[in-house]
Amino acid sequence: MLNNLGFNRYKFNIENNDNVGRVVAQYRNIYKINNGKSEIMAILSGKEYYKASKSDFPVVGDWVVYERYNMESNGVIKSVLKRTTKLSRQEAGRKEKEQIIASNIDLIFIVTSLNQEFNKRRLERYLTIAWDSGAKPIIILNKSDLCDNLGYFKSEVENIAFNTPYIISSCVKNQGIQEIRDIISPDKTAVLIGSSGVGKSSIINMLLGKSSQATKNIRENDDRGKHTTTNRELFLIPTGGIIIDTPGMREIQLWVDENSLDNVFSEIDELSAECKYNDCTHEHEPGCAVKLAVQEGVLNEERLDNYFKMKREIQYQKLKEKYNSNRANKIKWKKLKNQ
């Protein structure tokens, strides 16, 4: 079981009396840990809870060191082991905090449905957080059975996701499911992300060969669905590999490095090299190759506008993060000075 969880890929430096397991589900501040033989419910130790920032809290996919304190399968998480990859966004709302969606992942399946829900600008945001994670993104164009213009959607994706492969799928027709299953080889961990109602839970059920996740029909008036997955959870696929299901995201606020945009908007990065000025902002400067590409119809203006919007968002988030850090340090030194 531990090897199925990916245990053989990691070397842990731990004490002989410590237990190691992987977080397979998260329910607010309670975590389900699989140690290869059994599952236990655990909480974060008081010491770790108060000294850790929220981004240091355990998430699904984490390897953790824990201590079992009774025979009723209860325990305390002592520490979170170093993550190899992590998928993050800014916490929903106005808080300037990182929210880690899943960790130690190899593949990120971005699921969108082939109906009114399909949104290029939102897909660009998903691709940005996926590329920033360190894992490989793959797009799933789901619900092809409801689509009568597949060529249009394929063209739209190919025009914005140059280096990202995509899969056409339908759970009704069992299309693309085996392709997804083959990509998640026995030693890989994958995560499904996407908006509500795009069919993530249905794909999970098809991969597992059973109805483990609840599903609901989409609303006919706007092709949107309601949240059916409320917690993040990790599943072992019978044919090998691991899949993590996540709730639908209403907001995709960025918590990424600015360089991650170059992976998603690679053509803008390439055009920038042809600008007259090295520090060209692509807004008002003469000799701007990016603006010329828009005028000539080579580059979509909406795509460029979204690039600017996301860049400003990342820069603002970094400034706020720096301000909050400086403010915290000032408060800390003021307290030390007054002691």
Protein backbone atom coordinates (compact mmCIF):
# COMPACT_ATOMS: atom_id res chain seq x y z
CA MET A 1 0.00 0.00 0.00
CA LEU A 2 2.78 2.46 0.87
CA ASN A 3 4.41 1.90 -2.51
CA ASN A 4 1.02 2.57 -4.12
CA LEU A 5 0.95 5.87 -2.25
CA GLY A 6 4.36 6.75 -3.69
CA PHE A 7 6.39 5.94 -0.57
CA ASN A 8 9.21 4.30 -2.56
CA ARG A 9 9.97 7.60 -4.33
CA TYR A 10 10.92 9.44 -1.14
CA LYS A 11 13.74 9.08 1.38
CA PHE A 12 12.74 10.27 4.81
CA ASN A 13 15.15 11.28 7.56
CA ILE A 14 13.12 10.48 10.66
CA GLU A 15 13.59 8.97 14.10
CA ASN A 16 13.07 5.22 14.41
CA ASN A 17 10.07 5.65 16.69
CA ASP A 18 8.26 8.07 14.39
CA ASN A 19 5.47 7.13 12.01
CA VAL A 20 5.21 8.43 8.45
CA GLY A 21 2.05 8.56 6.38
CA ARG A 22 0.42 10.51 3.59
CA VAL A 23 -2.49 12.90 4.03
CA VAL A 24 -5.31 11.43 1.93
CA ALA A 25 -8.18 13.68 3.04
CA GLN A 26 -8.70 16.97 4.85
CA TYR A 27 -11.78 18.04 6.83
CA ARG A 28 -11.18 21.54 8.20
CA ASN A 29 -8.53 20.93 10.91
CA ILE A 30 -8.77 17.13 10.90
CA TYR A 31 -6.65 15.03 8.56
CA LYS A 32 -6.96 11.43 7.41
CA ILE A 33 -3.53 9.79 7.17
CA ASN A 34 -2.74 6.53 5.37
CA ASN A 35 0.38 4.76 6.69
CA GLY A 36 0.22 1.85 4.25
CA LYS A 37 -1.54 -0.50 6.66
CA SER A 38 -4.37 1.55 8.08
CA GLU A 39 -5.88 5.00 8.19
CA ILE A 40 -5.95 7.28 11.21
CA MET A 41 -7.58 10.62 11.95
CA ALA A 42 -5.13 13.21 13.23
CA ILE A 43 -4.90 16.85 14.23
CA LEU A 44 -1.93 19.19 14.14
CA SER A 45 -0.08 19.30 17.44
CA GLY A 46 -0.62 22.46 19.51
CA LYS A 47 3.05 23.41 19.23
CA GLU A 48 3.03 23.11 15.43
CA TYR A 49 -0.37 24.79 15.12
CA TYR A 50 0.72 28.01 16.82
CA LYS A 51 4.16 28.32 15.26
CA ALA A 52 3.17 27.43 11.68
CA SER A 53 1.83 29.81 9.07
CA LYS A 54 -1.26 28.65 7.21
CA SER A 55 0.78 27.56 4.18
CA ASP A 56 2.75 25.23 6.47
CA PHE A 57 -0.42 23.38 7.56
CA PRO A 58 -0.84 19.87 6.13
CA VAL A 59 -2.68 19.49 2.82
CA VAL A 60 -3.78 16.48 0.78
CA GLY A 61 -0.71 14.86 -0.77
CA ASP A 62 1.63 15.82 2.08
CA TRP A 63 3.91 13.33 3.78
CA VAL A 64 3.74 13.85 7.53
CA VAL A 65 5.39 12.58 10.69
CA TYR A 66 2.77 11.69 13.28
CA GLU A 67 2.38 10.18 16.71
CA ARG A 68 -0.42 7.80 17.58
CA TYR A 69 -1.86 8.45 21.02
CA ASN A 70 -4.56 5.80 21.43
CA MET A 71 -5.82 2.55 19.94
CA GLU A 72 -8.90 4.21 18.39
CA SER A 73 -6.93 5.30 15.32
CA ASN A 74 -6.33 8.84 16.56
CA GLY A 75 -3.07 10.75 16.30
CA VAL A 76 -1.19 14.05 16.26
CA ILE A 77 0.80 15.41 13.30
CA LYS A 78 4.25 16.47 14.51
CA SER A 79 5.64 17.86 11.25
CA VAL A 80 5.09 18.15 7.51
CA LEU A 81 7.94 16.77 5.40
CA LYS A 82 9.46 18.82 2.58
CA ARG A 83 7.19 19.17 -0.46
CA THR A 84 8.52 18.41 -3.94
CA THR A 85 5.75 20.35 -5.71
CA LYS A 86 2.71 22.34 -4.63
CA LEU A 87 -0.30 23.81 -6.39
CA SER A 88 -1.26 27.16 -4.85
CA ARG A 89 -3.57 30.10 -5.29
CA GLN A 90 -4.22 33.19 -3.22
CA GLU A 91 -6.80 32.49 -0.56
CA ALA A 92 -10.30 33.42 -1.69
CA GLY A 93 -11.54 36.80 -0.48
CA ARG A 94 -9.43 39.80 0.42
CA LYS A 95 -6.77 38.01 2.46
CA GLU A 96 -3.22 38.14 1.08
CA LYS A 97 -2.40 34.55 1.99
CA GLU A 98 -1.31 31.47 0.11
CA GLN A 99 -3.72 28.55 -0.08
CA ILE A 100 -2.09 25.26 -1.08
CA ILE A 101 -4.55 23.05 -2.96
CA ALA A 102 -2.45 19.87 -3.18
CA SER A 103 1.20 18.85 -2.79
CA ASN A 104 3.73 16.32 -4.05
CA ILE A 105 1.91 16.06 -7.37
CA ASP A 106 3.29 15.13 -10.79
CA LEU A 107 0.33 15.97 -13.03
CA ILE A 108 -2.38 18.61 -13.00
CA PHE A 109 -5.51 17.90 -15.04
CA ILE A 110 -7.35 21.16 -15.76
CA VAL A 111 -10.93 20.15 -16.50
CA THR A 112 -13.28 22.33 -18.52
CA SER A 113 -16.53 21.34 -20.19
CA LEU A 114 -17.37 21.82 -23.85
CA ASN A 115 -20.34 24.12 -23.36
CA GLN A 116 -21.08 27.67 -22.17
CA GLU A 117 -18.79 27.06 -19.15
CA PHE A 118 -15.72 27.12 -21.41
CA ASN A 119 -13.76 30.33 -20.78
CA LYS A 120 -10.37 31.06 -22.37
CA ARG A 121 -9.37 33.77 -19.92
CA ARG A 122 -10.12 31.55 -16.93
CA LEU A 123 -8.21 28.69 -18.58
CA GLU A 124 -5.16 30.97 -18.86
CA ARG A 125 -5.35 31.55 -15.10
CA TYR A 126 -5.55 27.81 -14.40
CA LEU A 127 -2.55 27.22 -16.66
CA THR A 128 -0.56 29.88 -14.82
CA ILE A 129 -1.02 28.35 -11.36
CA ALA A 130 -0.40 24.89 -12.85
CA TRP A 131 2.91 25.82 -14.50
CA ASP A 132 4.02 27.58 -11.31
CA SER A 133 3.49 24.40 -9.25
CA GLY A 134 6.36 22.41 -10.74
CA ALA A 135 3.97 19.71 -12.00
CA LYS A 136 2.95 19.05 -15.62
CA PRO A 137 -0.41 20.52 -16.73
CA ILE A 138 -2.78 18.66 -19.06
CA ILE A 139 -6.16 20.03 -20.20
CA ILE A 140 -9.25 17.81 -20.21
CA LEU A 141 -12.01 19.01 -22.55
CA ASN A 142 -14.88 17.13 -20.94
CA LYS A 143 -18.52 16.42 -21.87
CA SER A 144 -17.79 16.06 -25.59
CA ASP A 145 -21.13 14.22 -25.88
CA LEU A 146 -22.85 17.59 -25.37
CA CYS A 147 -20.72 19.39 -27.96
CA ASP A 148 -21.68 19.81 -31.64
CA ASN A 149 -18.74 22.06 -32.55
CA LEU A 150 -15.65 20.23 -31.29
CA GLY A 151 -13.35 21.80 -33.90
CA TYR A 152 -14.08 25.29 -32.52
CA PHE A 153 -13.10 24.36 -28.94
CA LYS A 154 -9.96 22.52 -30.08
CA SER A 155 -8.88 25.59 -32.06
CA GLU A 156 -9.53 27.89 -29.09
CA VAL A 157 -7.38 25.73 -26.80
CA GLU A 158 -4.57 25.37 -29.33
CA ASN A 159 -4.44 29.18 -29.67
CA ILE A 160 -3.77 29.75 -25.95
CA ALA A 161 -2.13 26.54 -24.68
CA PHE A 162 0.73 26.02 -27.11
CA ASN A 163 2.85 23.69 -24.99
CA THR A 164 0.05 21.97 -23.08
CA PRO A 165 -1.47 18.69 -24.31
CA TYR A 166 -5.23 18.18 -24.13
CA ILE A 167 -7.60 15.22 -23.97
CA ILE A 168 -11.17 15.05 -25.34
CA SER A 169 -13.32 13.16 -22.86
CA SER A 170 -16.88 12.06 -22.13
CA CYS A 171 -17.95 9.99 -19.15
CA VAL A 172 -21.21 9.18 -20.93
CA LYS A 173 -19.38 7.67 -23.91
CA ASN A 174 -16.35 6.48 -21.90
CA GLN A 175 -14.18 8.61 -24.19
CA GLY A 176 -10.69 9.68 -23.14
CA ILE A 177 -10.87 7.91 -19.77
CA GLN A 178 -8.37 5.21 -20.72
CA GLU A 179 -6.04 7.91 -22.07
CA ILE A 180 -6.18 9.69 -18.70
CA ARG A 181 -5.64 6.39 -16.89
CA ASP A 182 -2.59 5.58 -19.04
CA ILE A 183 -0.98 8.96 -18.33
CA ILE A 184 -1.27 8.41 -14.56
CA SER A 185 1.30 5.64 -14.41
CA PRO A 186 1.62 3.60 -11.17
CA ASP A 187 4.16 5.96 -9.59
CA LYS A 188 2.43 9.25 -10.46
CA THR A 189 0.16 11.51 -8.38
CA ALA A 190 -2.33 13.65 -10.30
CA VAL A 191 -4.83 16.29 -9.23
CA LEU A 192 -8.05 17.40 -10.93
CA ILE A 193 -8.90 21.12 -10.84
CA GLY A 194 -11.65 23.12 -12.50
CA SER A 195 -14.90 24.96 -11.92
CA SER A 196 -18.02 23.39 -10.43
CA GLY A 197 -20.02 21.19 -12.77
CA VAL A 198 -17.26 20.42 -15.29
CA GLY A 199 -17.36 16.71 -14.43
CA LYS A 200 -14.35 16.16 -12.16
CA SER A 201 -16.22 13.79 -9.84
CA SER A 202 -17.57 11.79 -12.80
CA ILE A 203 -14.03 11.37 -14.15
CA ILE A 204 -12.89 10.19 -10.70
CA ASN A 205 -15.67 7.59 -10.63
CA MET A 206 -14.73 6.35 -14.10
CA LEU A 207 -11.06 6.03 -13.17
CA LEU A 208 -11.92 4.14 -9.96
CA GLY A 209 -14.56 1.97 -11.59
CA LYS A 210 -17.09 2.82 -8.88
CA SER A 211 -19.20 5.70 -7.60
CA SER A 212 -16.94 7.10 -4.90
CA GLN A 213 -17.82 10.74 -5.55
CA ALA A 214 -21.30 12.27 -5.68
CA THR A 215 -22.33 13.91 -8.95
CA LYS A 216 -25.06 16.37 -9.96
CA ASN A 217 -26.51 17.51 -13.25
CA ILE A 218 -25.62 20.96 -14.56
CA ARG A 219 -28.20 23.75 -14.72
CA GLU A 220 -29.74 24.00 -18.17
CA ASN A 221 -29.92 27.81 -18.27
CA ASP A 222 -26.18 28.50 -17.91
CA ASP A 223 -24.42 25.11 -18.10
CA ARG A 224 -23.05 25.55 -14.57
CA GLY A 225 -23.06 23.02 -11.79
CA LYS A 226 -23.16 23.15 -8.02
CA HIS A 227 -20.35 22.02 -5.72
CA THR A 228 -20.55 18.23 -5.31
CA THR A 229 -17.03 17.82 -3.89
CA THR A 230 -16.62 19.75 -0.63
CA ASN A 231 -13.30 18.30 0.60
CA ARG A 232 -10.00 17.48 -1.06
CA GLU A 233 -9.40 13.75 -1.14
CA LEU A 234 -6.79 11.33 -2.53
CA PHE A 235 -7.75 8.06 -4.23
CA LEU A 236 -5.73 5.04 -5.33
CA ILE A 237 -6.59 4.03 -8.90
CA PRO A 238 -6.99 0.20 -9.15
CA THR A 239 -4.74 0.05 -12.24
CA GLY A 240 -2.07 2.15 -10.52
CA GLY A 241 -1.44 5.78 -9.78
CA ILE A 242 -3.08 8.34 -7.52
CA ILE A 243 -5.74 10.94 -8.23
CA ILE A 244 -6.72 13.89 -6.00
CA ASP A 245 -10.19 15.43 -6.32
CA THR A 246 -10.76 19.06 -5.37
CA PRO A 247 -13.85 21.28 -4.94
CA GLY A 248 -14.72 23.58 -7.81
CA MET A 249 -13.00 26.97 -7.68
CA ARG A 250 -15.12 30.11 -7.84
CA GLU A 251 -12.05 32.36 -7.68
CA ILE A 252 -8.59 31.79 -9.14
CA GLN A 253 -6.56 34.52 -7.53
CA LEU A 254 -2.90 34.14 -8.39
CA TRP A 255 -0.13 33.25 -5.97
CA VAL A 256 2.69 32.66 -8.43
CA ASP A 257 6.05 33.93 -9.61
CA GLU A 258 5.77 36.51 -12.41
CA ASN A 259 7.97 34.33 -14.63
CA SER A 260 5.19 31.72 -14.69
CA LEU A 261 3.33 33.95 -17.14
CA ASP A 262 6.03 33.29 -19.75
CA ASN A 263 5.01 29.62 -19.89
CA VAL A 264 1.38 30.53 -20.60
CA PHE A 265 1.94 33.61 -22.79
CA SER A 266 5.07 32.37 -24.54
CA GLU A 267 4.29 34.19 -27.80
CA ILE A 268 4.22 37.54 -25.97
CA ASP A 269 7.59 36.72 -24.40
CA GLU A 270 9.00 35.88 -27.85
CA LEU A 271 7.58 39.05 -29.43
CA SER A 272 9.09 41.14 -26.60
CA ALA A 273 12.57 40.27 -27.85
CA GLU A 274 11.78 42.16 -31.07
CA CYS A 275 10.68 45.39 -29.34
CA LYS A 276 12.78 48.51 -29.90
CA TYR A 277 13.35 49.01 -26.17
CA ASN A 278 14.49 46.28 -23.80
CA ASP A 279 12.23 47.59 -21.03
CA CYS A 280 9.19 47.99 -23.29
CA THR A 281 5.89 47.82 -21.39
CA HIS A 282 3.94 47.07 -24.62
CA GLU A 283 1.60 49.97 -23.96
CA HIS A 284 2.86 53.33 -25.31
CA GLU A 285 6.42 52.86 -26.63
CA PRO A 286 7.22 53.24 -30.36
CA GLY A 287 8.63 50.19 -32.09
CA CYS A 288 6.69 47.76 -29.89
CA ALA A 289 6.49 44.37 -31.61
CA VAL A 290 3.71 43.21 -29.27
CA LYS A 291 1.38 46.12 -30.13
CA LEU A 292 2.21 45.67 -33.81
CA ALA A 293 1.22 41.99 -33.58
CA VAL A 294 -2.16 43.05 -32.19
CA GLN A 295 -2.67 45.59 -34.99
CA GLU A 296 -1.83 42.97 -37.61
CA GLY A 297 -4.17 40.40 -36.05
CA VAL A 298 -1.34 38.03 -35.10
CA LEU A 299 -1.97 38.45 -31.37
CA ASN A 300 -5.45 38.55 -29.82
CA GLU A 301 -6.05 41.85 -27.98
CA GLU A 302 -8.18 40.19 -25.27
CA ARG A 303 -5.34 37.77 -24.59
CA LEU A 304 -2.87 40.65 -24.26
CA ASP A 305 -5.28 42.49 -21.93
CA ASN A 306 -5.55 39.39 -19.74
CA TYR A 307 -1.74 39.13 -19.69
CA PHE A 308 -1.52 42.74 -18.45
CA LYS A 309 -4.26 42.13 -15.88
CA MET A 310 -2.60 39.01 -14.48
CA LYS A 311 0.83 40.68 -14.43
CA ARG A 312 -0.53 43.64 -12.44
CA GLU A 313 -2.28 41.24 -10.08
CA ILE A 314 0.95 39.33 -9.40
CA GLN A 315 2.96 42.54 -8.89
CA TYR A 316 0.33 43.93 -6.50
CA GLN A 317 0.26 40.68 -4.53
CA LYS A 318 4.06 40.70 -4.21
CA LEU A 319 4.06 44.32 -3.02
CA LYS A 320 1.37 43.54 -0.43
CA GLU A 321 3.33 40.49 0.71
CA LYS A 322 6.49 42.61 1.11
CA TYR A 323 4.56 45.35 2.95
CA ASN A 324 3.00 42.87 5.38
CA SER A 325 6.40 41.26 5.98
CA ASN A 326 8.07 44.62 6.68
CA ARG A 327 5.20 45.63 8.96
CA ALA A 328 5.46 42.36 10.89
CA ASN A 329 9.22 42.85 11.31
CA LYS A 330 8.73 46.42 12.61
CA ILE A 331 6.22 45.18 15.20
CA LYS A 332 8.61 42.39 16.20
CA TRP A 333 11.60 44.75 16.70
CA LYS A 334 9.46 47.29 18.52
CA LYS A 335 8.44 44.60 21.02
CA LEU A 336 12.06 43.50 21.47
CA LYS A 337 13.17 47.11 21.96
CA ASN A 338 10.58 47.68 24.68
CA GLN A 339 11.44 44.52 26.63
